[in-house]
Amino acid sequence: MALIRWEPFREIDSLQREMNRLFESLSPDGERTGIAFAPPAELDETPDAFDLKLEVPGMEPNDLDIEVTAEAVRISGERRSETRSEEGGTTRTEFRYGKFSRVIPLPAKIQNTEVKADYKDGILKVHLPKADEEKHKVFKVSVS
């Protein structure tokens, strides 16, 4: 009887592939959920604010909708496809078109009335200033 070395990371990788396959079979183009894609996001924290960047290339600023509460940011939009027709053939595209929605919870409260957004070169930048009570919050740490 031969001994086989157990590699837990191989098991995790295999599980991830199976889960990806399952989700792709359920909704290959996002048609069943109504969501076509989820744009990648990056959240940076400074002492006074959070800076959120969202990658949404090929969109116009008026196609984006940003809603901000004190605890989270919801960004949604729709990437519209251009209508094309070809005679005697088929058209294949790998771009994803349709609606998206992304809710990003924030680790601290913000002043949602002071939020500013800028869209340039496919990157949406949202500046979220922290609420005053969050800026000056001091925590006492006990040493044991």
Protein backbone atom coordinates (compact mmCIF):
# COMPACT_ATOMS: atom_id res chain seq x y z
CA MET A 1 0.00 0.00 0.00
CA ALA A 2 1.50 3.31 -1.08
CA LEU A 3 1.30 6.46 0.98
CA ILE A 4 -0.10 9.53 -0.76
CA ARG A 5 0.86 12.95 0.49
CA TRP A 6 -2.15 15.16 1.26
CA GLU A 7 -1.85 18.64 -0.20
CA PRO A 8 -4.62 20.87 1.17
CA PHE A 9 -3.96 23.70 -1.30
CA ARG A 10 -4.55 21.35 -4.23
CA GLU A 11 -7.89 20.45 -2.66
CA ILE A 12 -8.81 24.15 -2.30
CA ASP A 13 -7.80 24.83 -5.90
CA SER A 14 -9.90 21.91 -7.11
CA LEU A 15 -12.89 23.11 -5.09
CA GLN A 16 -12.54 26.62 -6.52
CA ARG A 17 -12.49 25.27 -10.09
CA GLU A 18 -15.62 23.22 -9.41
CA MET A 19 -17.42 26.22 -7.91
CA ASN A 20 -16.44 28.42 -10.87
CA ARG A 21 -17.73 25.75 -13.25
CA LEU A 22 -21.01 25.56 -11.30
CA PHE A 23 -21.58 29.32 -11.41
CA GLU A 24 -20.65 29.53 -15.09
CA SER A 25 -23.16 26.81 -15.93
CA LEU A 26 -25.90 28.59 -13.99
CA SER A 27 -25.36 32.00 -15.53
CA PRO A 28 -22.85 32.12 -18.39
CA ASP A 29 -23.80 35.61 -19.59
CA GLY A 30 -25.46 36.98 -16.48
CA GLU A 31 -28.87 36.66 -18.16
CA ARG A 32 -30.56 34.85 -15.32
CA THR A 33 -29.42 37.25 -12.63
CA GLY A 34 -29.68 40.39 -14.74
CA ILE A 35 -26.11 41.28 -13.82
CA ALA A 36 -23.62 41.16 -16.68
CA PHE A 37 -20.39 41.82 -14.81
CA ALA A 38 -18.97 43.06 -11.54
CA PRO A 39 -16.28 45.67 -12.10
CA PRO A 40 -13.14 45.39 -9.95
CA ALA A 41 -12.76 47.91 -7.15
CA GLU A 42 -9.97 49.22 -4.97
CA LEU A 43 -10.46 51.05 -1.67
CA ASP A 44 -7.61 53.07 -0.11
CA GLU A 45 -7.78 54.71 3.31
CA THR A 46 -6.11 57.94 4.35
CA PRO A 47 -6.42 59.60 7.77
CA ASP A 48 -9.20 61.89 6.47
CA ALA A 49 -10.97 59.90 3.75
CA PHE A 50 -11.47 56.75 1.71
CA ASP A 51 -10.60 56.77 -1.99
CA LEU A 52 -12.51 54.27 -4.08
CA LYS A 53 -11.51 53.36 -7.64
CA LEU A 54 -13.74 51.28 -9.88
CA GLU A 55 -12.75 49.99 -13.30
CA VAL A 56 -15.64 50.57 -15.73
CA PRO A 57 -14.16 51.08 -19.22
CA GLY A 58 -16.31 51.93 -22.21
CA MET A 59 -18.98 53.77 -20.27
CA GLU A 60 -20.19 57.33 -20.17
CA PRO A 61 -20.47 59.23 -16.86
CA ASN A 62 -24.25 59.56 -17.27
CA ASP A 63 -24.50 55.72 -17.45
CA LEU A 64 -23.26 55.47 -13.84
CA ASP A 65 -25.39 55.82 -10.71
CA ILE A 66 -23.71 56.37 -7.33
CA GLU A 67 -25.62 56.18 -4.06
CA VAL A 68 -23.81 56.81 -0.79
CA THR A 69 -24.89 56.18 2.79
CA ALA A 70 -22.76 56.76 5.87
CA GLU A 71 -21.73 53.07 5.86
CA ALA A 72 -21.62 51.95 2.20
CA VAL A 73 -21.38 52.96 -1.45
CA ARG A 74 -23.61 51.48 -4.16
CA ILE A 75 -22.46 51.95 -7.75
CA SER A 76 -24.58 50.70 -10.60
CA GLY A 77 -24.75 51.28 -14.29
CA GLU A 78 -25.36 49.81 -17.68
CA ARG A 79 -22.95 49.15 -20.49
CA ARG A 80 -24.94 49.37 -23.70
CA SER A 81 -24.01 47.35 -26.75
CA GLU A 82 -23.70 48.87 -30.17
CA THR A 83 -26.08 47.40 -32.69
CA ARG A 84 -24.32 45.73 -35.58
CA SER A 85 -25.56 43.48 -38.30
CA GLU A 86 -23.70 41.28 -40.71
CA GLU A 87 -25.19 39.71 -43.76
CA GLY A 88 -24.78 36.01 -44.30
CA GLY A 89 -22.80 35.47 -41.13
CA THR A 90 -22.85 35.63 -37.42
CA THR A 91 -21.46 38.21 -35.05
CA ARG A 92 -19.50 37.05 -32.03
CA THR A 93 -18.46 39.31 -29.21
CA GLU A 94 -16.56 38.70 -25.99
CA PHE A 95 -17.37 42.06 -24.45
CA ARG A 96 -19.99 41.95 -21.73
CA TYR A 97 -22.92 44.28 -21.96
CA GLY A 98 -25.69 44.86 -19.52
CA LYS A 99 -26.32 46.09 -16.02
CA PHE A 100 -24.00 45.90 -13.07
CA SER A 101 -24.35 46.78 -9.42
CA ARG A 102 -21.69 46.80 -6.75
CA VAL A 103 -22.15 47.58 -3.05
CA ILE A 104 -18.96 48.34 -1.14
CA PRO A 105 -19.24 48.46 2.66
CA LEU A 106 -17.02 51.03 4.32
CA PRO A 107 -14.97 50.33 7.46
CA ALA A 108 -15.89 53.70 9.02
CA LYS A 109 -18.65 56.27 8.69
CA ILE A 110 -18.32 58.98 6.06
CA GLN A 111 -19.85 62.37 5.35
CA ASN A 112 -22.10 61.29 2.51
CA THR A 113 -23.02 64.88 1.64
CA GLU A 114 -19.37 65.73 0.83
CA VAL A 115 -18.61 62.86 -1.60
CA LYS A 116 -17.00 63.75 -4.93
CA ALA A 117 -16.69 61.54 -8.02
CA ASP A 118 -14.62 61.78 -11.19
CA TYR A 119 -14.63 59.52 -14.26
CA LYS A 120 -11.69 59.49 -16.66
CA ASP A 121 -10.11 56.87 -18.94
CA GLY A 122 -12.45 54.10 -17.76
CA ILE A 123 -11.69 54.61 -14.06
CA LEU A 124 -14.31 55.98 -11.68
CA LYS A 125 -12.71 57.68 -8.67
CA VAL A 126 -14.88 58.43 -5.64
CA HIS A 127 -13.52 60.50 -2.74
CA LEU A 128 -15.34 59.70 0.51
CA PRO A 129 -14.40 62.01 3.41
CA LYS A 130 -14.64 60.44 6.84
CA ALA A 131 -17.16 61.72 9.36
CA ASP A 132 -15.64 64.06 11.96
CA GLU A 133 -16.21 61.67 14.85
CA GLU A 134 -14.31 58.94 12.95
CA LYS A 135 -11.30 61.16 12.22
CA HIS A 136 -10.59 61.95 15.84
CA LYS A 137 -11.60 58.68 17.47
CA VAL A 138 -8.98 57.44 19.93
CA PHE A 139 -8.96 53.93 21.31
CA LYS A 140 -7.29 53.02 24.62
CA VAL A 141 -5.39 49.76 24.43
CA SER A 142 -4.67 47.80 27.59
CA VAL A 143 -1.42 45.88 27.89
CA SER A 144 -1.43 42.54 29.63
